[in-house]
């Protein structure tokens, strides 16, 4: 079952100070008297992009009738951002120049890599970022992960950004999933990523008779997931770390994501 975003962000803020400036209610935000030129992100369980990078007065206007689950965070322009799944110290990451929306929501395929628990890269695909930059990111990400509680090192997915301003590192979301969220990705680069119920074998996915083929992991396809319980969704491209894949896992929908092209 999906954990509400507010609870995830509260949990993240309890274990690290490396999070954007956060307001946990509209009243708190309005009372702070923030500079109108500042930009903010309204964080909730929708996948709306219209609430990203908005000015202070617009944020107050948009949140006039929201629920108690409201979170407003500082919008931090990113030079690089990404998402990482951790299992047994090994990490599967996907990253992009700028904000991570294309990976998480739009079904895009960017630079993907796997590293061991020392940050040593085992393989890279996509190569839209320079391999030297990826090696630097992997080393920095490993250092940041090692400062987190040990529980974050097994079955957790974390979103992160490196800011344009002074290249500061921020964690921006945490999902506590399962070590069986995705199939084996280390040490060899897989042809497909299997996402589904714990204990599901690769053969069960490959031999499934009832399949739905989607071109990517774009979040717009989330409406089909409730109709796919007990069946298999095959995505021709996109990211196994996308919001759509997480929704499939939490909804107990089996999914295949092909390694694909960038």
C-alpha atoms as a PDB file:
ATOM      1  CA  UNK A   1       0.000   0.000   0.000  1.00  0.00           C
ATOM      2  CA  UNK A   2       1.237   3.465  -0.896  1.00  0.00           C
ATOM      3  CA  UNK A   3       2.460   5.669   1.966  1.00  0.00           C
ATOM      4  CA  UNK A   4       1.169   9.276   1.683  1.00  0.00           C
ATOM      5  CA  UNK A   5       3.848  11.680   0.499  1.00  0.00           C
ATOM      6  CA  UNK A   6       3.585  13.845   3.611  1.00  0.00           C
ATOM      7  CA  UNK A   7       4.438  10.862   5.844  1.00  0.00           C
ATOM      8  CA  UNK A   8       7.361   9.949   3.580  1.00  0.00           C
ATOM      9  CA  UNK A   9       8.722  13.489   3.710  1.00  0.00           C
ATOM     10  CA  UNK A  10       8.293  13.675   7.482  1.00  0.00           C
ATOM     11  CA  UNK A  11      10.213  10.418   7.792  1.00  0.00           C
ATOM     12  CA  UNK A  12      12.967  11.705   5.544  1.00  0.00           C
ATOM     13  CA  UNK A  13      13.259  14.964   7.502  1.00  0.00           C
ATOM     14  CA  UNK A  14      13.660  12.967  10.742  1.00  0.00           C
ATOM     15  CA  UNK A  15      16.728  11.111   9.508  1.00  0.00           C
ATOM     16  CA  UNK A  16      18.605  13.810   7.598  1.00  0.00           C
ATOM     17  CA  UNK A  17      18.935  17.583   7.566  1.00  0.00           C
ATOM     18  CA  UNK A  18      19.805  17.563   3.862  1.00  0.00           C
ATOM     19  CA  UNK A  19      16.280  18.336   2.685  1.00  0.00           C
ATOM     20  CA  UNK A  20      14.860  21.517   1.101  1.00  0.00           C
ATOM     21  CA  UNK A  21      13.303  24.153   3.351  1.00  0.00           C
ATOM     22  CA  UNK A  22       9.877  22.754   4.215  1.00  0.00           C
ATOM     23  CA  UNK A  23       6.547  24.074   5.517  1.00  0.00           C
ATOM     24  CA  UNK A  24       4.124  21.472   6.858  1.00  0.00           C
ATOM     25  CA  UNK A  25       0.947  23.577   6.538  1.00  0.00           C
ATOM     26  CA  UNK A  26      -0.420  26.476   4.508  1.00  0.00           C
ATOM     27  CA  UNK A  27      -0.824  28.571   7.663  1.00  0.00           C
ATOM     28  CA  UNK A  28       2.829  28.023   8.560  1.00  0.00           C
ATOM     29  CA  UNK A  29       3.869  28.971   5.044  1.00  0.00           C
ATOM     30  CA  UNK A  30       1.744  32.122   4.887  1.00  0.00           C
ATOM     31  CA  UNK A  31       2.843  33.256   8.351  1.00  0.00           C
ATOM     32  CA  UNK A  32       6.493  32.983   7.380  1.00  0.00           C
ATOM     33  CA  UNK A  33       6.177  35.951   5.025  1.00  0.00           C
ATOM     34  CA  UNK A  34       8.435  34.467   2.392  1.00  0.00           C
ATOM     35  CA  UNK A  35       9.937  36.633  -0.339  1.00  0.00           C
ATOM     36  CA  UNK A  36       7.612  36.840  -3.353  1.00  0.00           C
ATOM     37  CA  UNK A  37      10.550  36.089  -5.666  1.00  0.00           C
ATOM     38  CA  UNK A  38      11.170  32.738  -3.982  1.00  0.00           C
ATOM     39  CA  UNK A  39       9.990  29.597  -5.776  1.00  0.00           C
ATOM     40  CA  UNK A  40       8.215  26.624  -4.215  1.00  0.00           C
ATOM     41  CA  UNK A  41       6.927  23.120  -4.866  1.00  0.00           C
ATOM     42  CA  UNK A  42       3.554  21.941  -3.559  1.00  0.00           C
ATOM     43  CA  UNK A  43       4.085  18.316  -2.577  1.00  0.00           C
ATOM     44  CA  UNK A  44       1.128  15.942  -2.391  1.00  0.00           C
ATOM     45  CA  UNK A  45       0.100  12.586  -3.816  1.00  0.00           C
ATOM     46  CA  UNK A  46      -0.858  13.959  -7.213  1.00  0.00           C
ATOM     47  CA  UNK A  47       1.629  13.997 -10.079  1.00  0.00           C
ATOM     48  CA  UNK A  48       0.804  17.529 -11.210  1.00  0.00           C
ATOM     49  CA  UNK A  49       3.698  19.487 -12.685  1.00  0.00           C
ATOM     50  CA  UNK A  50       1.808  22.808 -12.488  1.00  0.00           C
ATOM     51  CA  UNK A  51       2.747  23.067  -8.810  1.00  0.00           C
ATOM     52  CA  UNK A  52       6.504  23.089  -9.370  1.00  0.00           C
ATOM     53  CA  UNK A  53       8.600  26.268  -9.321  1.00  0.00           C
ATOM     54  CA  UNK A  54       5.750  28.642  -8.420  1.00  0.00           C
ATOM     55  CA  UNK A  55       6.022  32.040  -6.707  1.00  0.00           C
ATOM     56  CA  UNK A  56       5.004  32.636  -3.090  1.00  0.00           C
ATOM     57  CA  UNK A  57       1.643  34.329  -3.758  1.00  0.00           C
ATOM     58  CA  UNK A  58       0.704  31.663  -6.297  1.00  0.00           C
ATOM     59  CA  UNK A  59       1.508  28.913  -3.780  1.00  0.00           C
ATOM     60  CA  UNK A  60      -0.785  30.575  -1.212  1.00  0.00           C
ATOM     61  CA  UNK A  61      -3.552  30.891  -3.802  1.00  0.00           C
ATOM     62  CA  UNK A  62      -3.283  27.273  -4.992  1.00  0.00           C
ATOM     63  CA  UNK A  63      -3.378  25.877  -1.451  1.00  0.00           C
ATOM     64  CA  UNK A  64      -6.475  27.757  -0.291  1.00  0.00           C
ATOM     65  CA  UNK A  65      -8.599  24.594  -0.213  1.00  0.00           C
ATOM     66  CA  UNK A  66      -6.089  21.770   0.186  1.00  0.00           C
ATOM     67  CA  UNK A  67      -6.188  18.990   2.796  1.00  0.00           C
ATOM     68  CA  UNK A  68      -4.038  18.610   5.886  1.00  0.00           C
ATOM     69  CA  UNK A  69      -1.592  16.510   3.863  1.00  0.00           C
ATOM     70  CA  UNK A  70      -0.148  19.690   2.346  1.00  0.00           C
ATOM     71  CA  UNK A  71       3.615  20.152   2.189  1.00  0.00           C
ATOM     72  CA  UNK A  72       5.280  23.178   0.600  1.00  0.00           C
ATOM     73  CA  UNK A  73       8.993  22.924  -0.108  1.00  0.00           C
ATOM     74  CA  UNK A  74      11.578  25.288  -1.475  1.00  0.00           C
ATOM     75  CA  UNK A  75      12.145  24.778  -5.202  1.00  0.00           C
ATOM     76  CA  UNK A  76      15.839  24.202  -5.764  1.00  0.00           C
ATOM     77  CA  UNK A  77      17.109  24.492  -9.349  1.00  0.00           C
ATOM     78  CA  UNK A  78      19.171  21.389 -10.024  1.00  0.00           C
ATOM     79  CA  UNK A  79      22.274  20.993 -12.095  1.00  0.00           C
ATOM     80  CA  UNK A  80      21.771  17.208 -11.848  1.00  0.00           C
ATOM     81  CA  UNK A  81      19.065  15.104 -10.214  1.00  0.00           C
ATOM     82  CA  UNK A  82      18.262  11.446  -9.929  1.00  0.00           C
ATOM     83  CA  UNK A  83      16.644   8.509  -8.212  1.00  0.00           C
ATOM     84  CA  UNK A  84      18.366   5.542  -6.584  1.00  0.00           C
ATOM     85  CA  UNK A  85      17.216   2.122  -5.402  1.00  0.00           C
ATOM     86  CA  UNK A  86      19.374   0.475  -2.723  1.00  0.00           C
ATOM     87  CA  UNK A  87      19.764  -3.258  -2.025  1.00  0.00           C
ATOM     88  CA  UNK A  88      22.548  -4.905  -0.037  1.00  0.00           C
ATOM     89  CA  UNK A  89      24.583  -1.721  -0.441  1.00  0.00           C
ATOM     90  CA  UNK A  90      24.392  -1.963  -4.225  1.00  0.00           C
ATOM     91  CA  UNK A  91      22.620   0.883  -6.011  1.00  0.00           C
ATOM     92  CA  UNK A  92      20.630   1.197  -9.216  1.00  0.00           C
ATOM     93  CA  UNK A  93      20.472   4.856 -10.210  1.00  0.00           C
ATOM     94  CA  UNK A  94      19.126   6.945 -13.030  1.00  0.00           C
ATOM     95  CA  UNK A  95      20.050  10.579 -13.459  1.00  0.00           C
ATOM     96  CA  UNK A  96      19.480  13.558 -15.710  1.00  0.00           C
ATOM     97  CA  UNK A  97      20.734  17.111 -16.149  1.00  0.00           C
ATOM     98  CA  UNK A  98      18.225  19.440 -14.459  1.00  0.00           C
ATOM     99  CA  UNK A  99      15.066  18.254 -12.714  1.00  0.00           C
ATOM    100  CA  UNK A 100      14.133  14.536 -12.582  1.00  0.00           C
ATOM    101  CA  UNK A 101      10.551  14.887 -13.833  1.00  0.00           C
ATOM    102  CA  UNK A 102      11.295  13.339 -17.256  1.00  0.00           C
ATOM    103  CA  UNK A 103      12.538  10.149 -15.550  1.00  0.00           C
ATOM    104  CA  UNK A 104       9.952   9.964 -12.796  1.00  0.00           C
ATOM    105  CA  UNK A 105       6.809  11.128 -14.576  1.00  0.00           C
ATOM    106  CA  UNK A 106       7.327  11.373 -18.336  1.00  0.00           C
ATOM    107  CA  UNK A 107       8.624   7.896 -19.149  1.00  0.00           C
ATOM    108  CA  UNK A 108      12.005   9.125 -20.400  1.00  0.00           C
ATOM    109  CA  UNK A 109      15.190   7.052 -20.395  1.00  0.00           C
ATOM    110  CA  UNK A 110      18.379   8.807 -19.264  1.00  0.00           C
ATOM    111  CA  UNK A 111      21.748   7.821 -17.801  1.00  0.00           C
ATOM    112  CA  UNK A 112      21.459   4.628 -15.748  1.00  0.00           C
ATOM    113  CA  UNK A 113      24.175   3.017 -13.713  1.00  0.00           C
ATOM    114  CA  UNK A 114      24.834   0.414 -11.052  1.00  0.00           C
ATOM    115  CA  UNK A 115      27.457   0.720  -8.312  1.00  0.00           C
ATOM    116  CA  UNK A 116      28.677  -1.541  -5.529  1.00  0.00           C
ATOM    117  CA  UNK A 117      28.758  -0.552  -1.852  1.00  0.00           C
ATOM    118  CA  UNK A 118      32.024   1.367  -2.339  1.00  0.00           C
ATOM    119  CA  UNK A 119      30.590   3.482  -5.159  1.00  0.00           C
ATOM    120  CA  UNK A 120      32.553   1.630  -7.862  1.00  0.00           C
ATOM    121  CA  UNK A 121      30.504   1.606 -11.066  1.00  0.00           C
ATOM    122  CA  UNK A 122      29.740  -1.847 -12.452  1.00  0.00           C
ATOM    123  CA  UNK A 123      28.007  -0.668 -15.618  1.00  0.00           C
ATOM    124  CA  UNK A 124      26.542   2.433 -17.277  1.00  0.00           C
ATOM    125  CA  UNK A 125      23.893   2.666 -19.985  1.00  0.00           C
ATOM    126  CA  UNK A 126      22.317   5.598 -21.734  1.00  0.00           C
ATOM    127  CA  UNK A 127      25.473   7.693 -21.597  1.00  0.00           C
ATOM    128  CA  UNK A 128      23.706  11.024 -21.956  1.00  0.00           C
ATOM    129  CA  UNK A 129      25.994  12.249 -19.163  1.00  0.00           C
ATOM    130  CA  UNK A 130      29.783  12.134 -19.285  1.00  0.00           C
ATOM    131  CA  UNK A 131      31.123   8.912 -17.653  1.00  0.00           C
ATOM    132  CA  UNK A 132      33.509  11.001 -15.559  1.00  0.00           C
ATOM    133  CA  UNK A 133      30.585  12.971 -14.135  1.00  0.00           C
ATOM    134  CA  UNK A 134      28.717   9.734 -13.445  1.00  0.00           C
ATOM    135  CA  UNK A 135      31.724   8.372 -11.534  1.00  0.00           C
ATOM    136  CA  UNK A 136      31.802  11.568  -9.449  1.00  0.00           C
ATOM    137  CA  UNK A 137      28.059  11.354  -8.787  1.00  0.00           C
ATOM    138  CA  UNK A 138      28.334   7.704  -7.769  1.00  0.00           C
ATOM    139  CA  UNK A 139      31.103   8.460  -5.286  1.00  0.00           C
ATOM    140  CA  UNK A 140      29.203  11.384  -3.808  1.00  0.00           C
ATOM    141  CA  UNK A 141      25.958   9.423  -3.620  1.00  0.00           C
ATOM    142  CA  UNK A 142      27.737   6.589  -1.800  1.00  0.00           C
ATOM    143  CA  UNK A 143      29.126   9.037   0.762  1.00  0.00           C
ATOM    144  CA  UNK A 144      25.685  10.542   1.315  1.00  0.00           C
ATOM    145  CA  UNK A 145      24.058   7.120   1.692  1.00  0.00           C
ATOM    146  CA  UNK A 146      26.639   6.050   4.259  1.00  0.00           C
ATOM    147  CA  UNK A 147      25.577   8.973   6.442  1.00  0.00           C
ATOM    148  CA  UNK A 148      21.993   7.648   6.459  1.00  0.00           C
ATOM    149  CA  UNK A 149      20.580   5.008   8.837  1.00  0.00           C
ATOM    150  CA  UNK A 150      21.396   1.428   7.872  1.00  0.00           C
ATOM    151  CA  UNK A 151      17.705   0.721   7.217  1.00  0.00           C
ATOM    152  CA  UNK A 152      17.902   3.021   4.186  1.00  0.00           C
ATOM    153  CA  UNK A 153      20.378   0.613   2.589  1.00  0.00           C
ATOM    154  CA  UNK A 154      17.929  -2.186   1.841  1.00  0.00           C
ATOM    155  CA  UNK A 155      14.844  -1.890  -0.336  1.00  0.00           C
ATOM    156  CA  UNK A 156      14.600   1.900  -0.252  1.00  0.00           C
ATOM    157  CA  UNK A 157      14.265   4.295  -3.173  1.00  0.00           C
ATOM    158  CA  UNK A 158      15.497   7.861  -2.740  1.00  0.00           C
ATOM    159  CA  UNK A 159      15.191  10.918  -4.962  1.00  0.00           C
ATOM    160  CA  UNK A 160      17.970  13.495  -4.817  1.00  0.00           C
ATOM    161  CA  UNK A 161      19.254  16.663  -6.450  1.00  0.00           C
ATOM    162  CA  UNK A 162      22.517  18.579  -6.658  1.00  0.00           C
ATOM    163  CA  UNK A 163      21.764  22.273  -6.706  1.00  0.00           C
ATOM    164  CA  UNK A 164      22.954  24.826  -9.224  1.00  0.00           C
ATOM    165  CA  UNK A 165      23.928  27.003  -6.265  1.00  0.00           C
ATOM    166  CA  UNK A 166      27.205  25.736  -4.759  1.00  0.00           C
ATOM    167  CA  UNK A 167      26.450  22.151  -5.871  1.00  0.00           C
ATOM    168  CA  UNK A 168      24.724  21.304  -2.590  1.00  0.00           C
ATOM    169  CA  UNK A 169      23.226  17.819  -2.156  1.00  0.00           C
ATOM    170  CA  UNK A 170      19.574  17.404  -1.121  1.00  0.00           C
ATOM    171  CA  UNK A 171      17.359  14.368  -0.553  1.00  0.00           C
ATOM    172  CA  UNK A 172      13.839  15.124  -1.815  1.00  0.00           C
ATOM    173  CA  UNK A 173      11.834  11.908  -1.355  1.00  0.00           C
ATOM    174  CA  UNK A 174      12.028   8.478   0.247  1.00  0.00           C
ATOM    175  CA  UNK A 175      10.027   5.356  -0.545  1.00  0.00           C
ATOM    176  CA  UNK A 176      10.493   2.307   1.686  1.00  0.00           C
ATOM    177  CA  UNK A 177       9.667  -0.522  -0.707  1.00  0.00           C
ATOM    178  CA  UNK A 178      11.268  -3.977  -0.530  1.00  0.00           C
ATOM    179  CA  UNK A 179      14.541  -5.626  -1.495  1.00  0.00           C
ATOM    180  CA  UNK A 180      12.459  -7.597  -4.018  1.00  0.00           C
ATOM    181  CA  UNK A 181      11.054  -4.478  -5.695  1.00  0.00           C
ATOM    182  CA  UNK A 182      13.133  -5.024  -8.821  1.00  0.00           C
ATOM    183  CA  UNK A 183      14.991  -8.023 -10.246  1.00  0.00           C
ATOM    184  CA  UNK A 184      18.771  -8.496 -10.189  1.00  0.00           C
ATOM    185  CA  UNK A 185      20.731  -5.579 -11.682  1.00  0.00           C
ATOM    186  CA  UNK A 186      24.243  -6.260 -10.399  1.00  0.00           C
ATOM    187  CA  UNK A 187      26.915  -7.163 -11.440  1.00  0.00           C
ATOM    188  CA  UNK A 188      25.703  -7.640 -15.035  1.00  0.00           C
ATOM    189  CA  UNK A 189      23.508  -5.244 -16.998  1.00  0.00           C
ATOM    190  CA  UNK A 190      20.085  -6.867 -17.515  1.00  0.00           C
ATOM    191  CA  UNK A 191      18.016  -6.844 -20.694  1.00  0.00           C
ATOM    192  CA  UNK A 192      14.815  -6.353 -18.701  1.00  0.00           C
ATOM    193  CA  UNK A 193      13.773  -5.257 -15.228  1.00  0.00           C
ATOM    194  CA  UNK A 194      11.099  -7.299 -13.495  1.00  0.00           C
ATOM    195  CA  UNK A 195       8.834  -5.428 -11.108  1.00  0.00           C
ATOM    196  CA  UNK A 196       6.030  -7.140  -9.252  1.00  0.00           C
ATOM    197  CA  UNK A 197       4.973  -9.244  -6.311  1.00  0.00           C
ATOM    198  CA  UNK A 198       7.618 -10.568  -4.000  1.00  0.00           C
ATOM    199  CA  UNK A 199       8.597 -14.089  -4.919  1.00  0.00           C
ATOM    200  CA  UNK A 200       7.580 -13.773  -8.580  1.00  0.00           C
ATOM    201  CA  UNK A 201      10.039 -15.572 -10.847  1.00  0.00           C
ATOM    202  CA  UNK A 202      11.321 -14.277 -14.180  1.00  0.00           C
ATOM    203  CA  UNK A 203       9.714 -17.167 -16.054  1.00  0.00           C
ATOM    204  CA  UNK A 204       6.292 -16.213 -14.700  1.00  0.00           C
ATOM    205  CA  UNK A 205       6.675 -12.759 -16.219  1.00  0.00           C
ATOM    206  CA  UNK A 206       8.052 -13.934 -19.541  1.00  0.00           C
ATOM    207  CA  UNK A 207       5.441 -16.670 -19.984  1.00  0.00           C
ATOM    208  CA  UNK A 208       2.474 -14.591 -18.897  1.00  0.00           C
ATOM    209  CA  UNK A 209      -0.301 -14.919 -21.455  1.00  0.00           C
ATOM    210  CA  UNK A 210      -2.245 -11.781 -20.565  1.00  0.00           C
ATOM    211  CA  UNK A 211       0.018  -8.830 -21.260  1.00  0.00           C
ATOM    212  CA  UNK A 212      -0.519  -5.153 -21.923  1.00  0.00           C
ATOM    213  CA  UNK A 213       2.173  -3.378 -23.939  1.00  0.00           C
ATOM    214  CA  UNK A 214       2.944   0.259 -23.176  1.00  0.00           C
ATOM    215  CA  UNK A 215       5.507   2.393 -25.012  1.00  0.00           C
ATOM    216  CA  UNK A 216       7.036   3.829 -21.846  1.00  0.00           C
ATOM    217  CA  UNK A 217       6.704   4.334 -18.100  1.00  0.00           C
ATOM    218  CA  UNK A 218       4.876   7.659 -18.493  1.00  0.00           C
ATOM    219  CA  UNK A 219       2.700   8.326 -15.447  1.00  0.00           C
ATOM    220  CA  UNK A 220      -0.276   9.002 -17.737  1.00  0.00           C
ATOM    221  CA  UNK A 221      -0.701   5.214 -17.978  1.00  0.00           C
ATOM    222  CA  UNK A 222      -1.388   4.913 -14.243  1.00  0.00           C
ATOM    223  CA  UNK A 223      -5.134   4.720 -14.930  1.00  0.00           C
ATOM    224  CA  UNK A 224      -4.760   1.274 -16.523  1.00  0.00           C
ATOM    225  CA  UNK A 225      -3.054  -0.317 -13.506  1.00  0.00           C
ATOM    226  CA  UNK A 226      -6.204  -1.087 -11.461  1.00  0.00           C
ATOM    227  CA  UNK A 227      -7.406  -3.212 -14.390  1.00  0.00           C
ATOM    228  CA  UNK A 228      -4.140  -5.194 -14.622  1.00  0.00           C
ATOM    229  CA  UNK A 229      -4.101  -7.100 -11.316  1.00  0.00           C
ATOM    230  CA  UNK A 230      -2.983 -10.647 -12.074  1.00  0.00           C
ATOM    231  CA  UNK A 231      -1.746  -9.654 -15.518  1.00  0.00           C
ATOM    232  CA  UNK A 232       1.582  -8.307 -16.798  1.00  0.00           C
ATOM    233  CA  UNK A 233       2.391  -4.837 -18.124  1.00  0.00           C
ATOM    234  CA  UNK A 234       5.338  -4.595 -20.549  1.00  0.00           C
ATOM    235  CA  UNK A 235       6.959  -1.180 -21.021  1.00  0.00           C
ATOM    236  CA  UNK A 236       9.102  -0.795 -24.106  1.00  0.00           C
ATOM    237  CA  UNK A 237      11.235   1.940 -22.571  1.00  0.00           C
ATOM    238  CA  UNK A 238      11.401   4.290 -19.614  1.00  0.00           C
ATOM    239  CA  UNK A 239      12.788   3.788 -16.133  1.00  0.00           C
ATOM    240  CA  UNK A 240      12.273   0.943 -13.634  1.00  0.00           C
ATOM    241  CA  UNK A 241      12.568   3.656 -10.973  1.00  0.00           C
ATOM    242  CA  UNK A 242       9.653   5.740 -12.316  1.00  0.00           C
ATOM    243  CA  UNK A 243       6.493   6.664 -10.439  1.00  0.00           C
ATOM    244  CA  UNK A 244       4.523   4.319 -12.698  1.00  0.00           C
ATOM    245  CA  UNK A 245       6.660   1.326 -11.706  1.00  0.00           C
ATOM    246  CA  UNK A 246       6.336   2.128  -8.019  1.00  0.00           C
ATOM    247  CA  UNK A 247       2.557   2.422  -8.426  1.00  0.00           C
ATOM    248  CA  UNK A 248       2.501  -0.964 -10.188  1.00  0.00           C
ATOM    249  CA  UNK A 249       4.495  -2.575  -7.384  1.00  0.00           C
ATOM    250  CA  UNK A 250       2.299  -1.100  -4.663  1.00  0.00           C
ATOM    251  CA  UNK A 251      -0.797  -2.146  -6.611  1.00  0.00           C
ATOM    252  CA  UNK A 252       0.515  -5.715  -7.007  1.00  0.00           C
ATOM    253  CA  UNK A 253       0.662  -5.415 -10.786  1.00  0.00           C
ATOM    254  CA  UNK A 254       3.476  -7.332 -12.487  1.00  0.00           C
ATOM    255  CA  UNK A 255       5.584  -5.238 -14.827  1.00  0.00           C
ATOM    256  CA  UNK A 256       8.472  -5.637 -17.251  1.00  0.00           C
ATOM    257  CA  UNK A 257      10.615  -2.630 -18.250  1.00  0.00           C
ATOM    258  CA  UNK A 258      12.998  -3.227 -21.107  1.00  0.00           C
ATOM    259  CA  UNK A 259      16.525  -1.821 -20.858  1.00  0.00           C
ATOM    260  CA  UNK A 260      15.808   0.105 -24.073  1.00  0.00           C
ATOM    261  CA  UNK A 261      17.548   3.060 -25.652  1.00  0.00           C
ATOM    262  CA  UNK A 262      18.057   6.497 -24.116  1.00  0.00           C
END
